[in-house]
Amino acid sequence: MRLLVTAATSGFLAVVFGAFGSHALRNRIGDDLMRTYQIGVDYHFYHTFALLITAWFFYRTGQPWFSRSALLFAAGIILFSGSLYLYAITNARWLAIITPLGGLSFLGGWLSLILAAIRQK
């Protein structure tokens, strides 16, 4: 059930961060930083759905590659979206170094999902 709790928490936080951006940040940061923040929200939502799906498949099949995929999606959300949120709010450019690690985590999640599907009987 840990993966489902992680997915549900991620969905909750995606809504929180989306609302925070729309209401609290809209007039406080520039358009470029707002676009950066919105990219974080978008990828957060996309990968929350991926996390939910992989959690469901893991609980249904027990295939460990589904679990690995879910964990990589969660890491990607934290690293990719989290770094974009912090960068947009603080304008600390060094945070952009972290973002590609999140992108690699997303890619690993999708690759793990491919392997899970191939190995599934």
PDB file of N, CA and C in Angstrom:
ATOM      1  N   MET A   1       0.807  -1.214   0.000  1.00  0.00           N
ATOM      2  CA  MET A   1       0.000   0.000   0.000  1.00  0.00           C
ATOM      3  C   MET A   1       0.844   1.270   0.000  1.00  0.00           C
ATOM      4  N   ARG A   2       2.133   1.129   0.261  1.00  0.00           N
ATOM      5  CA  ARG A   2       3.006   2.300   0.318  1.00  0.00           C
ATOM      6  C   ARG A   2       3.042   3.060  -1.004  1.00  0.00           C
ATOM      7  N   LEU A   3       3.038   2.329  -2.124  1.00  0.00           N
ATOM      8  CA  LEU A   3       3.065   2.999  -3.430  1.00  0.00           C
ATOM      9  C   LEU A   3       1.776   3.775  -3.677  1.00  0.00           C
ATOM     10  N   LEU A   4       0.653   3.217  -3.260  1.00  0.00           N
ATOM     11  CA  LEU A   4      -0.618   3.923  -3.428  1.00  0.00           C
ATOM     12  C   LEU A   4      -0.662   5.179  -2.567  1.00  0.00           C
ATOM     13  N   VAL A   5      -0.170   5.087  -1.353  1.00  0.00           N
ATOM     14  CA  VAL A   5      -0.096   6.270  -0.481  1.00  0.00           C
ATOM     15  C   VAL A   5       0.823   7.318  -1.102  1.00  0.00           C
ATOM     16  N   THR A   6       1.947   6.883  -1.662  1.00  0.00           N
ATOM     17  CA  THR A   6       2.864   7.809  -2.324  1.00  0.00           C
ATOM     18  C   THR A   6       2.182   8.488  -3.506  1.00  0.00           C
ATOM     19  N   ALA A   7       1.464   7.726  -4.301  1.00  0.00           N
ATOM     20  CA  ALA A   7       0.766   8.293  -5.462  1.00  0.00           C
ATOM     21  C   ALA A   7      -0.318   9.273  -5.026  1.00  0.00           C
ATOM     22  N   ALA A   8      -1.091   8.908  -4.029  1.00  0.00           N
ATOM     23  CA  ALA A   8      -2.155   9.796  -3.549  1.00  0.00           C
ATOM     24  C   ALA A   8      -1.572  11.074  -2.955  1.00  0.00           C
ATOM     25  N   THR A   9      -0.487  10.948  -2.225  1.00  0.00           N
ATOM     26  CA  THR A   9       0.180  12.127  -1.659  1.00  0.00           C
ATOM     27  C   THR A   9       0.716  13.019  -2.767  1.00  0.00           C
ATOM     28  N   SER A  10       1.276  12.405  -3.788  1.00  0.00           N
ATOM     29  CA  SER A  10       1.785  13.170  -4.924  1.00  0.00           C
ATOM     30  C   SER A  10       0.664  13.932  -5.623  1.00  0.00           C
ATOM     31  N   GLY A  11      -0.476  13.292  -5.811  1.00  0.00           N
ATOM     32  CA  GLY A  11      -1.614  13.970  -6.427  1.00  0.00           C
ATOM     33  C   GLY A  11      -2.096  15.138  -5.590  1.00  0.00           C
ATOM     34  N   PHE A  12      -2.174  14.924  -4.288  1.00  0.00           N
ATOM     35  CA  PHE A  12      -2.567  15.993  -3.369  1.00  0.00           C
ATOM     36  C   PHE A  12      -1.609  17.172  -3.490  1.00  0.00           C
ATOM     37  N   LEU A  13      -0.309  16.881  -3.464  1.00  0.00           N
ATOM     38  CA  LEU A  13       0.687  17.949  -3.537  1.00  0.00           C
ATOM     39  C   LEU A  13       0.687  18.642  -4.901  1.00  0.00           C
ATOM     40  N   ALA A  14       0.398  17.907  -5.959  1.00  0.00           N
ATOM     41  CA  ALA A  14       0.318  18.530  -7.281  1.00  0.00           C
ATOM     42  C   ALA A  14      -0.789  19.585  -7.312  1.00  0.00           C
ATOM     43  N   VAL A  15      -1.925  19.271  -6.696  1.00  0.00           N
ATOM     44  CA  VAL A  15      -3.013  20.241  -6.608  1.00  0.00           C
ATOM     45  C   VAL A  15      -2.598  21.432  -5.744  1.00  0.00           C
ATOM     46  N   VAL A  16      -1.962  21.155  -4.611  1.00  0.00           N
ATOM     47  CA  VAL A  16      -1.506  22.225  -3.718  1.00  0.00           C
ATOM     48  C   VAL A  16      -0.543  23.155  -4.455  1.00  0.00           C
ATOM     49  N   PHE A  17       0.478  22.576  -5.108  1.00  0.00           N
ATOM     50  CA  PHE A  17       1.461  23.407  -5.801  1.00  0.00           C
ATOM     51  C   PHE A  17       0.842  24.144  -6.989  1.00  0.00           C
ATOM     52  N   GLY A  18      -0.090  23.502  -7.683  1.00  0.00           N
ATOM     53  CA  GLY A  18      -0.770  24.180  -8.782  1.00  0.00           C
ATOM     54  C   GLY A  18      -1.581  25.365  -8.290  1.00  0.00           C
ATOM     55  N   ALA A  19      -2.314  25.182  -7.206  1.00  0.00           N
ATOM     56  CA  ALA A  19      -3.115  26.277  -6.648  1.00  0.00           C
ATOM     57  C   ALA A  19      -2.219  27.381  -6.094  1.00  0.00           C
ATOM     58  N   PHE A  20      -1.137  26.996  -5.432  1.00  0.00           N
ATOM     59  CA  PHE A  20      -0.199  27.983  -4.902  1.00  0.00           C
ATOM     60  C   PHE A  20       0.362  28.843  -6.036  1.00  0.00           C
ATOM     61  N   GLY A  21       0.723  28.202  -7.132  1.00  0.00           N
ATOM     62  CA  GLY A  21       1.239  28.948  -8.273  1.00  0.00           C
ATOM     63  C   GLY A  21       0.210  29.886  -8.855  1.00  0.00           C
ATOM     64  N   SER A  22      -1.002  29.403  -9.005  1.00  0.00           N
ATOM     65  CA  SER A  22      -2.057  30.222  -9.605  1.00  0.00           C
ATOM     66  C   SER A  22      -2.479  31.388  -8.730  1.00  0.00           C
ATOM     67  N   HIS A  23      -2.502  31.181  -7.427  1.00  0.00           N
ATOM     68  CA  HIS A  23      -3.036  32.206  -6.537  1.00  0.00           C
ATOM     69  C   HIS A  23      -1.972  33.044  -5.830  1.00  0.00           C
ATOM     70  N   ALA A  24      -0.925  32.405  -5.364  1.00  0.00           N
ATOM     71  CA  ALA A  24       0.068  33.137  -4.563  1.00  0.00           C
ATOM     72  C   ALA A  24       1.230  33.676  -5.382  1.00  0.00           C
ATOM     73  N   LEU A  25       1.566  32.986  -6.470  1.00  0.00           N
ATOM     74  CA  LEU A  25       2.750  33.406  -7.232  1.00  0.00           C
ATOM     75  C   LEU A  25       2.443  34.233  -8.470  1.00  0.00           C
ATOM     76  N   ARG A  26       1.253  34.128  -8.972  1.00  0.00           N
ATOM     77  CA  ARG A  26       0.902  34.716 -10.273  1.00  0.00           C
ATOM     78  C   ARG A  26       1.397  36.150 -10.436  1.00  0.00           C
ATOM     79  N   ASN A  27       1.229  36.988  -9.458  1.00  0.00           N
ATOM     80  CA  ASN A  27       1.629  38.393  -9.573  1.00  0.00           C
ATOM     81  C   ASN A  27       2.934  38.716  -8.848  1.00  0.00           C
ATOM     82  N   ARG A  28       3.622  37.688  -8.359  1.00  0.00           N
ATOM     83  CA  ARG A  28       4.845  37.922  -7.576  1.00  0.00           C
ATOM     84  C   ARG A  28       6.117  37.542  -8.305  1.00  0.00           C
ATOM     85  N   ILE A  29       6.013  36.706  -9.324  1.00  0.00           N
ATOM     86  CA  ILE A  29       7.199  36.324 -10.083  1.00  0.00           C
ATOM     87  C   ILE A  29       6.952  36.649 -11.553  1.00  0.00           C
ATOM     88  N   GLY A  30       8.018  36.769 -12.302  1.00  0.00           N
ATOM     89  CA  GLY A  30       7.913  37.117 -13.716  1.00  0.00           C
ATOM     90  C   GLY A  30       7.327  35.988 -14.547  1.00  0.00           C
ATOM     91  N   ASP A  31       6.991  36.319 -15.787  1.00  0.00           N
ATOM     92  CA  ASP A  31       6.385  35.340 -16.694  1.00  0.00           C
ATOM     93  C   ASP A  31       7.294  34.143 -16.947  1.00  0.00           C
ATOM     94  N   ASP A  32       8.602  34.386 -17.107  1.00  0.00           N
ATOM     95  CA  ASP A  32       9.524  33.272 -17.360  1.00  0.00           C
ATOM     96  C   ASP A  32       9.553  32.296 -16.188  1.00  0.00           C
ATOM     97  N   LEU A  33       9.641  32.833 -14.980  1.00  0.00           N
ATOM     98  CA  LEU A  33       9.654  31.962 -13.803  1.00  0.00           C
ATOM     99  C   LEU A  33       8.300  31.284 -13.602  1.00  0.00           C
ATOM    100  N   MET A  34       7.220  31.962 -13.957  1.00  0.00           N
ATOM    101  CA  MET A  34       5.893  31.355 -13.851  1.00  0.00           C
ATOM    102  C   MET A  34       5.767  30.187 -14.823  1.00  0.00           C
ATOM    103  N   ARG A  35       6.313  30.341 -16.034  1.00  0.00           N
ATOM    104  CA  ARG A  35       6.299  29.235 -17.000  1.00  0.00           C
ATOM    105  C   ARG A  35       7.115  28.062 -16.466  1.00  0.00           C
ATOM    106  N   THR A  36       8.251  28.352 -15.864  1.00  0.00           N
ATOM    107  CA  THR A  36       9.083  27.305 -15.263  1.00  0.00           C
ATOM    108  C   THR A  36       8.311  26.574 -14.173  1.00  0.00           C
ATOM    109  N   TYR A  37       7.648  27.326 -13.319  1.00  0.00           N
ATOM    110  CA  TYR A  37       6.856  26.740 -12.241  1.00  0.00           C
ATOM    111  C   TYR A  37       5.749  25.852 -12.829  1.00  0.00           C
ATOM    112  N   GLN A  38       5.083  26.340 -13.872  1.00  0.00           N
ATOM    113  CA  GLN A  38       3.990  25.595 -14.485  1.00  0.00           C
ATOM    114  C   GLN A  38       4.474  24.294 -15.120  1.00  0.00           C
ATOM    115  N   ILE A  39       5.679  24.307 -15.693  1.00  0.00           N
ATOM    116  CA  ILE A  39       6.246  23.065 -16.227  1.00  0.00           C
ATOM    117  C   ILE A  39       6.402  22.052 -15.096  1.00  0.00           C
ATOM    118  N   GLY A  40       6.862  22.515 -13.933  1.00  0.00           N
ATOM    119  CA  GLY A  40       6.969  21.626 -12.770  1.00  0.00           C
ATOM    120  C   GLY A  40       5.625  21.029 -12.393  1.00  0.00           C
ATOM    121  N   VAL A  41       4.589  21.857 -12.375  1.00  0.00           N
ATOM    122  CA  VAL A  41       3.240  21.371 -12.038  1.00  0.00           C
ATOM    123  C   VAL A  41       2.757  20.359 -13.081  1.00  0.00           C
ATOM    124  N   ASP A  42       2.951  20.678 -14.358  1.00  0.00           N
ATOM    125  CA  ASP A  42       2.499  19.772 -15.420  1.00  0.00           C
ATOM    126  C   ASP A  42       3.152  18.401 -15.303  1.00  0.00           C
ATOM    127  N   TYR A  43       4.484  18.388 -15.184  1.00  0.00           N
ATOM    128  CA  TYR A  43       5.185  17.111 -15.069  1.00  0.00           C
ATOM    129  C   TYR A  43       4.840  16.387 -13.769  1.00  0.00           C
ATOM    130  N   HIS A  44       4.572  17.133 -12.720  1.00  0.00           N
ATOM    131  CA  HIS A  44       4.150  16.549 -11.452  1.00  0.00           C
ATOM    132  C   HIS A  44       2.839  15.777 -11.666  1.00  0.00           C
ATOM    133  N   PHE A  45       1.882  16.419 -12.328  1.00  0.00           N
ATOM    134  CA  PHE A  45       0.599  15.750 -12.584  1.00  0.00           C
ATOM    135  C   PHE A  45       0.763  14.546 -13.504  1.00  0.00           C
ATOM    136  N   TYR A  46       1.487  14.724 -14.627  1.00  0.00           N
ATOM    137  CA  TYR A  46       1.646  13.605 -15.571  1.00  0.00           C
ATOM    138  C   TYR A  46       2.214  12.378 -14.866  1.00  0.00           C
ATOM    139  N   HIS A  47       3.240  12.612 -14.059  1.00  0.00           N
ATOM    140  CA  HIS A  47       3.912  11.479 -13.455  1.00  0.00           C
ATOM    141  C   HIS A  47       3.206  10.968 -12.201  1.00  0.00           C
ATOM    142  N   THR A  48       2.310  11.758 -11.636  1.00  0.00           N
ATOM    143  CA  THR A  48       1.447  11.237 -10.577  1.00  0.00           C
ATOM    144  C   THR A  48       0.510  10.188 -11.170  1.00  0.00           C
ATOM    145  N   PHE A  49      -0.033  10.458 -12.355  1.00  0.00           N
ATOM    146  CA  PHE A  49      -0.890   9.465 -13.017  1.00  0.00           C
ATOM    147  C   PHE A  49      -0.089   8.204 -13.355  1.00  0.00           C
ATOM    148  N   ALA A  50       1.137   8.394 -13.842  1.00  0.00           N
ATOM    149  CA  ALA A  50       1.996   7.244 -14.133  1.00  0.00           C
ATOM    150  C   ALA A  50       2.283   6.456 -12.847  1.00  0.00           C
ATOM    151  N   LEU A  51       2.508   7.167 -11.770  1.00  0.00           N
ATOM    152  CA  LEU A  51       2.753   6.543 -10.473  1.00  0.00           C
ATOM    153  C   LEU A  51       1.539   5.737 -10.016  1.00  0.00           C
ATOM    154  N   LEU A  52       0.365   6.288 -10.176  1.00  0.00           N
ATOM    155  CA  LEU A  52      -0.865   5.560  -9.823  1.00  0.00           C
ATOM    156  C   LEU A  52      -1.026   4.279 -10.632  1.00  0.00           C
ATOM    157  N   ILE A  53      -0.776   4.393 -11.930  1.00  0.00           N
ATOM    158  CA  ILE A  53      -0.941   3.231 -12.809  1.00  0.00           C
ATOM    159  C   ILE A  53       0.070   2.144 -12.468  1.00  0.00           C
ATOM    160  N   THR A  54       1.328   2.539 -12.263  1.00  0.00           N
ATOM    161  CA  THR A  54       2.336   1.529 -11.947  1.00  0.00           C
ATOM    162  C   THR A  54       2.084   0.910 -10.573  1.00  0.00           C
ATOM    163  N   ALA A  55       1.601   1.696  -9.623  1.00  0.00           N
ATOM    164  CA  ALA A  55       1.257   1.140  -8.308  1.00  0.00           C
ATOM    165  C   ALA A  55       0.143   0.104  -8.458  1.00  0.00           C
ATOM    166  N   TRP A  56      -0.864   0.445  -9.234  1.00  0.00           N
ATOM    167  CA  TRP A  56      -1.980  -0.482  -9.441  1.00  0.00           C
ATOM    168  C   TRP A  56      -1.489  -1.789 -10.058  1.00  0.00           C
ATOM    169  N   PHE A  57      -0.656  -1.680 -11.107  1.00  0.00           N
ATOM    170  CA  PHE A  57      -0.144  -2.881 -11.752  1.00  0.00           C
ATOM    171  C   PHE A  57       0.744  -3.690 -10.801  1.00  0.00           C
ATOM    172  N   PHE A  58       1.527  -3.015  -9.983  1.00  0.00           N
ATOM    173  CA  PHE A  58       2.376  -3.739  -9.033  1.00  0.00           C
ATOM    174  C   PHE A  58       1.514  -4.534  -8.056  1.00  0.00           C
ATOM    175  N   TYR A  59       0.479  -3.911  -7.499  1.00  0.00           N
ATOM    176  CA  TYR A  59      -0.372  -4.605  -6.538  1.00  0.00           C
ATOM    177  C   TYR A  59      -1.146  -5.743  -7.202  1.00  0.00           C
ATOM    178  N   ARG A  60      -1.448  -5.594  -8.462  1.00  0.00           N
ATOM    179  CA  ARG A  60      -2.206  -6.614  -9.185  1.00  0.00           C
ATOM    180  C   ARG A  60      -1.335  -7.796  -9.594  1.00  0.00           C
ATOM    181  N   THR A  61      -0.063  -7.508  -9.965  1.00  0.00           N
ATOM    182  CA  THR A  61       0.775  -8.559 -10.536  1.00  0.00           C
ATOM    183  C   THR A  61       1.946  -8.980  -9.655  1.00  0.00           C
ATOM    184  N   GLY A  62       2.433  -8.089  -8.797  1.00  0.00           N
ATOM    185  CA  GLY A  62       3.619  -8.376  -8.009  1.00  0.00           C
ATOM    186  C   GLY A  62       4.918  -8.252  -8.790  1.00  0.00           C
ATOM    187  N   GLN A  63       4.857  -7.881 -10.047  1.00  0.00           N
ATOM    188  CA  GLN A  63       6.048  -7.726 -10.891  1.00  0.00           C
ATOM    189  C   GLN A  63       6.920  -6.603 -10.332  1.00  0.00           C
ATOM    190  N   PRO A  64       8.151  -6.905  -9.892  1.00  0.00           N
ATOM    191  CA  PRO A  64       8.985  -5.885  -9.242  1.00  0.00           C
ATOM    192  C   PRO A  64       9.353  -4.706 -10.141  1.00  0.00           C
ATOM    193  N   TRP A  65       9.351  -4.887 -11.448  1.00  0.00           N
ATOM    194  CA  TRP A  65       9.686  -3.756 -12.331  1.00  0.00           C
ATOM    195  C   TRP A  65       8.630  -2.663 -12.267  1.00  0.00           C
ATOM    196  N   PHE A  66       7.382  -3.017 -11.947  1.00  0.00           N
ATOM    197  CA  PHE A  66       6.354  -1.990 -11.745  1.00  0.00           C
ATOM    198  C   PHE A  66       6.684  -1.146 -10.518  1.00  0.00           C
ATOM    199  N   SER A  67       7.138  -1.799  -9.458  1.00  0.00           N
ATOM    200  CA  SER A  67       7.527  -1.078  -8.245  1.00  0.00           C
ATOM    201  C   SER A  67       8.724  -0.168  -8.518  1.00  0.00           C
ATOM    202  N   ARG A  68       9.716  -0.672  -9.231  1.00  0.00           N
ATOM    203  CA  ARG A  68      10.883   0.145  -9.577  1.00  0.00           C
ATOM    204  C   ARG A  68      10.467   1.360 -10.394  1.00  0.00           C
ATOM    205  N   SER A  69       9.566   1.137 -11.326  1.00  0.00           N
ATOM    206  CA  SER A  69       9.073   2.234 -12.156  1.00  0.00           C
ATOM    207  C   SER A  69       8.402   3.296 -11.297  1.00  0.00           C
ATOM    208  N   ALA A  70       7.555   2.872 -10.384  1.00  0.00           N
ATOM    209  CA  ALA A  70       6.852   3.815  -9.501  1.00  0.00           C
ATOM    210  C   ALA A  70       7.839   4.611  -8.656  1.00  0.00           C
ATOM    211  N   LEU A  71       8.841   3.933  -8.124  1.00  0.00           N
ATOM    212  CA  LEU A  71       9.829   4.626  -7.298  1.00  0.00           C
ATOM    213  C   LEU A  71      10.631   5.647  -8.112  1.00  0.00           C
ATOM    214  N   LEU A  72      10.959   5.302  -9.340  1.00  0.00           N
ATOM    215  CA  LEU A  72      11.674   6.246 -10.197  1.00  0.00           C
ATOM    216  C   LEU A  72      10.788   7.434 -10.574  1.00  0.00           C
ATOM    217  N   PHE A  73       9.505   7.185 -10.802  1.00  0.00           N
ATOM    218  CA  PHE A  73       8.592   8.307 -11.072  1.00  0.00           C
ATOM    219  C   PHE A  73       8.512   9.231  -9.862  1.00  0.00           C
ATOM    220  N   ALA A  74       8.442   8.656  -8.664  1.00  0.00           N
ATOM    221  CA  ALA A  74       8.392   9.476  -7.444  1.00  0.00           C
ATOM    222  C   ALA A  74       9.679  10.294  -7.288  1.00  0.00           C
ATOM    223  N   ALA A  75      10.819   9.660  -7.542  1.00  0.00           N
ATOM    224  CA  ALA A  75      12.095  10.393  -7.470  1.00  0.00           C
ATOM    225  C   ALA A  75      12.133  11.506  -8.500  1.00  0.00           C
ATOM    226  N   GLY A  76      11.629  11.241  -9.686  1.00  0.00           N
ATOM    227  CA  GLY A  76      11.591  12.261 -10.729  1.00  0.00           C
ATOM    228  C   GLY A  76      10.727  13.446 -10.346  1.00  0.00           C
ATOM    229  N   ILE A  77       9.596  13.174  -9.726  1.00  0.00           N
ATOM    230  CA  ILE A  77       8.715  14.259  -9.276  1.00  0.00           C
ATOM    231  C   ILE A  77       9.448  15.143  -8.273  1.00  0.00           C
ATOM    232  N   ILE A  78      10.111  14.511  -7.326  1.00  0.00           N
ATOM    233  CA  ILE A  78      10.829  15.274  -6.298  1.00  0.00           C
ATOM    234  C   ILE A  78      11.962  16.081  -6.920  1.00  0.00           C
ATOM    235  N   LEU A  79      12.782  15.430  -7.741  1.00  0.00           N
ATOM    236  CA  LEU A  79      13.958  16.101  -8.297  1.00  0.00           C
ATOM    237  C   LEU A  79      13.611  17.092  -9.402  1.00  0.00           C
ATOM    238  N   PHE A  80      12.772  16.670 -10.346  1.00  0.00           N
ATOM    239  CA  PHE A  80      12.453  17.527 -11.486  1.00  0.00           C
ATOM    240  C   PHE A  80      11.495  18.642 -11.079  1.00  0.00           C
ATOM    241  N   SER A  81      10.308  18.266 -10.664  1.00  0.00           N
ATOM    242  CA  SER A  81       9.309  19.278 -10.312  1.00  0.00           C
ATOM    243  C   SER A  81       9.751  20.074  -9.094  1.00  0.00           C
ATOM    244  N   GLY A  82      10.287  19.395  -8.093  1.00  0.00           N
ATOM    245  CA  GLY A  82      10.734  20.088  -6.883  1.00  0.00           C
ATOM    246  C   GLY A  82      11.786  21.140  -7.176  1.00  0.00           C
ATOM    247  N   SER A  83      12.745  20.811  -8.031  1.00  0.00           N
ATOM    248  CA  SER A  83      13.785  21.798  -8.357  1.00  0.00           C
ATOM    249  C   SER A  83      13.206  22.970  -9.148  1.00  0.00           C
ATOM    250  N   LEU A  84      12.239  22.698 -10.013  1.00  0.00           N
ATOM    251  CA  LEU A  84      11.614  23.795 -10.764  1.00  0.00           C
ATOM    252  C   LEU A  84      10.776  24.687  -9.849  1.00  0.00           C
ATOM    253  N   TYR A  85      10.074  24.086  -8.905  1.00  0.00           N
ATOM    254  CA  TYR A  85       9.310  24.891  -7.946  1.00  0.00           C
ATOM    255  C   TYR A  85      10.245  25.824  -7.169  1.00  0.00           C
ATOM    256  N   LEU A  86      11.298  25.239  -6.629  1.00  0.00           N
ATOM    257  CA  LEU A  86      12.226  26.040  -5.824  1.00  0.00           C
ATOM    258  C   LEU A  86      12.937  27.104  -6.666  1.00  0.00           C
ATOM    259  N   TYR A  87      13.311  26.738  -7.878  1.00  0.00           N
ATOM    260  CA  TYR A  87      13.973  27.706  -8.758  1.00  0.00           C
ATOM    261  C   TYR A  87      13.045  28.884  -9.057  1.00  0.00           C
ATOM    262  N   ALA A  88      11.793  28.585  -9.387  1.00  0.00           N
ATOM    263  CA  ALA A  88      10.843  29.656  -9.721  1.00  0.00           C
ATOM    264  C   ALA A  88      10.587  30.570  -8.525  1.00  0.00           C
ATOM    265  N   ILE A  89      10.522  30.002  -7.335  1.00  0.00           N
ATOM    266  CA  ILE A  89      10.228  30.793  -6.136  1.00  0.00           C
ATOM    267  C   ILE A  89      11.441  31.599  -5.676  1.00  0.00           C
ATOM    268  N   THR A  90      12.636  30.991  -5.761  1.00  0.00           N
ATOM    269  CA  THR A  90      13.829  31.641  -5.209  1.00  0.00           C
ATOM    270  C   THR A  90      14.713  32.305  -6.260  1.00  0.00           C
ATOM    271  N   ASN A  91      14.543  31.908  -7.522  1.00  0.00           N
ATOM    272  CA  ASN A  91      15.398  32.362  -8.621  1.00  0.00           C
ATOM    273  C   ASN A  91      16.863  31.968  -8.377  1.00  0.00           C
ATOM    274  N   ALA A  92      17.082  30.905  -7.613  1.00  0.00           N
ATOM    275  CA  ALA A  92      18.427  30.377  -7.372  1.00  0.00           C
ATOM    276  C   ALA A  92      18.807  29.480  -8.549  1.00  0.00           C
ATOM    277  N   ARG A  93      19.602  30.001  -9.442  1.00  0.00           N
ATOM    278  CA  ARG A  93      19.921  29.308 -10.697  1.00  0.00           C
ATOM    279  C   ARG A  93      20.624  27.967 -10.500  1.00  0.00           C
ATOM    280  N   TRP A  94      21.337  27.794  -9.413  1.00  0.00           N
ATOM    281  CA  TRP A  94      22.052  26.541  -9.185  1.00  0.00           C
ATOM    282  C   TRP A  94      21.089  25.355  -9.081  1.00  0.00           C
ATOM    283  N   LEU A  95      19.820  25.617  -8.748  1.00  0.00           N
ATOM    284  CA  LEU A  95      18.842  24.533  -8.657  1.00  0.00           C
ATOM    285  C   LEU A  95      18.592  23.866 -10.001  1.00  0.00           C
ATOM    286  N   ALA A  96      18.874  24.584 -11.083  1.00  0.00           N
ATOM    287  CA  ALA A  96      18.681  24.020 -12.425  1.00  0.00           C
ATOM    288  C   ALA A  96      19.596  22.821 -12.668  1.00  0.00           C
ATOM    289  N   ILE A  97      20.642  22.677 -11.874  1.00  0.00           N
ATOM    290  CA  ILE A  97      21.540  21.527 -11.997  1.00  0.00           C
ATOM    291  C   ILE A  97      20.824  20.235 -11.599  1.00  0.00           C
ATOM    292  N   ILE A  98      19.875  20.335 -10.692  1.00  0.00           N
ATOM    293  CA  ILE A  98      19.162  19.165 -10.170  1.00  0.00           C
ATOM    294  C   ILE A  98      18.109  18.660 -11.155  1.00  0.00           C
ATOM    295  N   THR A  99      17.521  19.564 -11.919  1.00  0.00           N
ATOM    296  CA  THR A  99      16.403  19.232 -12.801  1.00  0.00           C
ATOM    297  C   THR A  99      16.696  18.060 -13.740  1.00  0.00           C
ATOM    298  N   PRO A 100      17.848  18.028 -14.421  1.00  0.00           N
ATOM    299  CA  PRO A 100      18.103  16.888 -15.318  1.00  0.00           C
ATOM    300  C   PRO A 100      18.156  15.539 -14.604  1.00  0.00           C
ATOM    301  N   LEU A 101      18.536  15.523 -13.331  1.00  0.00           N
ATOM    302  CA  LEU A 101      18.517  14.262 -12.581  1.00  0.00           C
ATOM    303  C   LEU A 101      17.082  13.746 -12.448  1.00  0.00           C
ATOM    304  N   GLY A 102      16.158  14.681 -12.273  1.00  0.00           N
ATOM    305  CA  GLY A 102      14.745  14.296 -12.245  1.00  0.00           C
ATOM    306  C   GLY A 102      14.288  13.779 -13.595  1.00  0.00           C
ATOM    307  N   GLY A 103      14.744  14.432 -14.664  1.00  0.00           N
ATOM    308  CA  GLY A 103      14.413  13.959 -16.010  1.00  0.00           C
ATOM    309  C   GLY A 103      14.939  12.554 -16.258  1.00  0.00           C
ATOM    310  N   LEU A 104      16.158  12.287 -15.798  1.00  0.00           N
ATOM    311  CA  LEU A 104      16.711  10.935 -15.918  1.00  0.00           C
ATOM    312  C   LEU A 104      15.902   9.932 -15.104  1.00  0.00           C
ATOM    313  N   SER A 105      15.423  10.348 -13.942  1.00  0.00           N
ATOM    314  CA  SER A 105      14.563   9.471 -13.128  1.00  0.00           C
ATOM    315  C   SER A 105      13.267   9.160 -13.864  1.00  0.00           C
ATOM    316  N   PHE A 106      12.682  10.177 -14.500  1.00  0.00           N
ATOM    317  CA  PHE A 106      11.468   9.929 -15.298  1.00  0.00           C
ATOM    318  C   PHE A 106      11.748   8.929 -16.416  1.00  0.00           C
ATOM    319  N   LEU A 107      12.867   9.126 -17.119  1.00  0.00           N
ATOM    320  CA  LEU A 107      13.219   8.198 -18.195  1.00  0.00           C
ATOM    321  C   LEU A 107      13.419   6.786 -17.658  1.00  0.00           C
ATOM    322  N   GLY A 108      14.081   6.676 -16.506  1.00  0.00           N
ATOM    323  CA  GLY A 108      14.254   5.367 -15.884  1.00  0.00           C
ATOM    324  C   GLY A 108      12.924   4.735 -15.501  1.00  0.00           C
ATOM    325  N   GLY A 109      11.995   5.560 -15.048  1.00  0.00           N
ATOM    326  CA  GLY A 109      10.658   5.062 -14.715  1.00  0.00           C
ATOM    327  C   GLY A 109       9.941   4.501 -15.929  1.00  0.00           C
ATOM    328  N   TRP A 110      10.031   5.228 -17.044  1.00  0.00           N
ATOM    329  CA  TRP A 110       9.388   4.751 -18.266  1.00  0.00           C
ATOM    330  C   TRP A 110      10.073   3.503 -18.801  1.00  0.00           C
ATOM    331  N   LEU A 111      11.412   3.459 -18.712  1.00  0.00           N
ATOM    332  CA  LEU A 111      12.135   2.267 -19.143  1.00  0.00           C
ATOM    333  C   LEU A 111      11.776   1.070 -18.264  1.00  0.00           C
ATOM    334  N   SER A 112      11.679   1.278 -16.977  1.00  0.00           N
ATOM    335  CA  SER A 112      11.267   0.200 -16.068  1.00  0.00           C
ATOM    336  C   SER A 112       9.853  -0.274 -16.372  1.00  0.00           C
ATOM    337  N   LEU A 113       8.990   0.654 -16.758  1.00  0.00           N
ATOM    338  CA  LEU A 113       7.623   0.272 -17.128  1.00  0.00           C
ATOM    339  C   LEU A 113       7.621  -0.577 -18.398  1.00  0.00           C
ATOM    340  N   ILE A 114       8.482  -0.215 -19.349  1.00  0.00           N
ATOM    341  CA  ILE A 114       8.611  -1.038 -20.560  1.00  0.00           C
ATOM    342  C   ILE A 114       9.064  -2.449 -20.187  1.00  0.00           C
ATOM    343  N   LEU A 115      10.086  -2.544 -19.333  1.00  0.00           N
ATOM    344  CA  LEU A 115      10.579  -3.857 -18.906  1.00  0.00           C
ATOM    345  C   LEU A 115       9.517  -4.632 -18.144  1.00  0.00           C
ATOM    346  N   ALA A 116       8.751  -3.948 -17.312  1.00  0.00           N
ATOM    347  CA  ALA A 116       7.666  -4.612 -16.590  1.00  0.00           C
ATOM    348  C   ALA A 116       6.649  -5.200 -17.564  1.00  0.00           C
ATOM    349  N   ALA A 117       6.314  -4.439 -18.588  1.00  0.00           N
ATOM    350  CA  ALA A 117       5.324  -4.897 -19.562  1.00  0.00           C
ATOM    351  C   ALA A 117       5.854  -6.087 -20.362  1.00  0.00           C
ATOM    352  N   ILE A 118       7.132  -6.028 -20.714  1.00  0.00           N
ATOM    353  CA  ILE A 118       7.726  -7.126 -21.474  1.00  0.00           C
ATOM    354  C   ILE A 118       7.786  -8.405 -20.636  1.00  0.00           C
ATOM    355  N   ARG A 119       8.120  -8.272 -19.372  1.00  0.00           N
ATOM    356  CA  ARG A 119       8.278  -9.427 -18.487  1.00  0.00           C
ATOM    357  C   ARG A 119       6.955  -9.960 -17.949  1.00  0.00           C
ATOM    358  N   GLN A 120       5.895  -9.187 -18.090  1.00  0.00           N
ATOM    359  CA  GLN A 120       4.590  -9.604 -17.584  1.00  0.00           C
ATOM    360  C   GLN A 120       4.046 -10.743 -18.445  1.00  0.00           C
ATOM    361  N   LYS A 121       3.534 -11.745 -17.782  1.00  0.00           N
ATOM    362  CA  LYS A 121       3.000 -12.904 -18.512  1.00  0.00           C
ATOM    363  C   LYS A 121       1.553 -12.689 -18.869  1.00  0.00           C
TER     364      LYS A 121
END
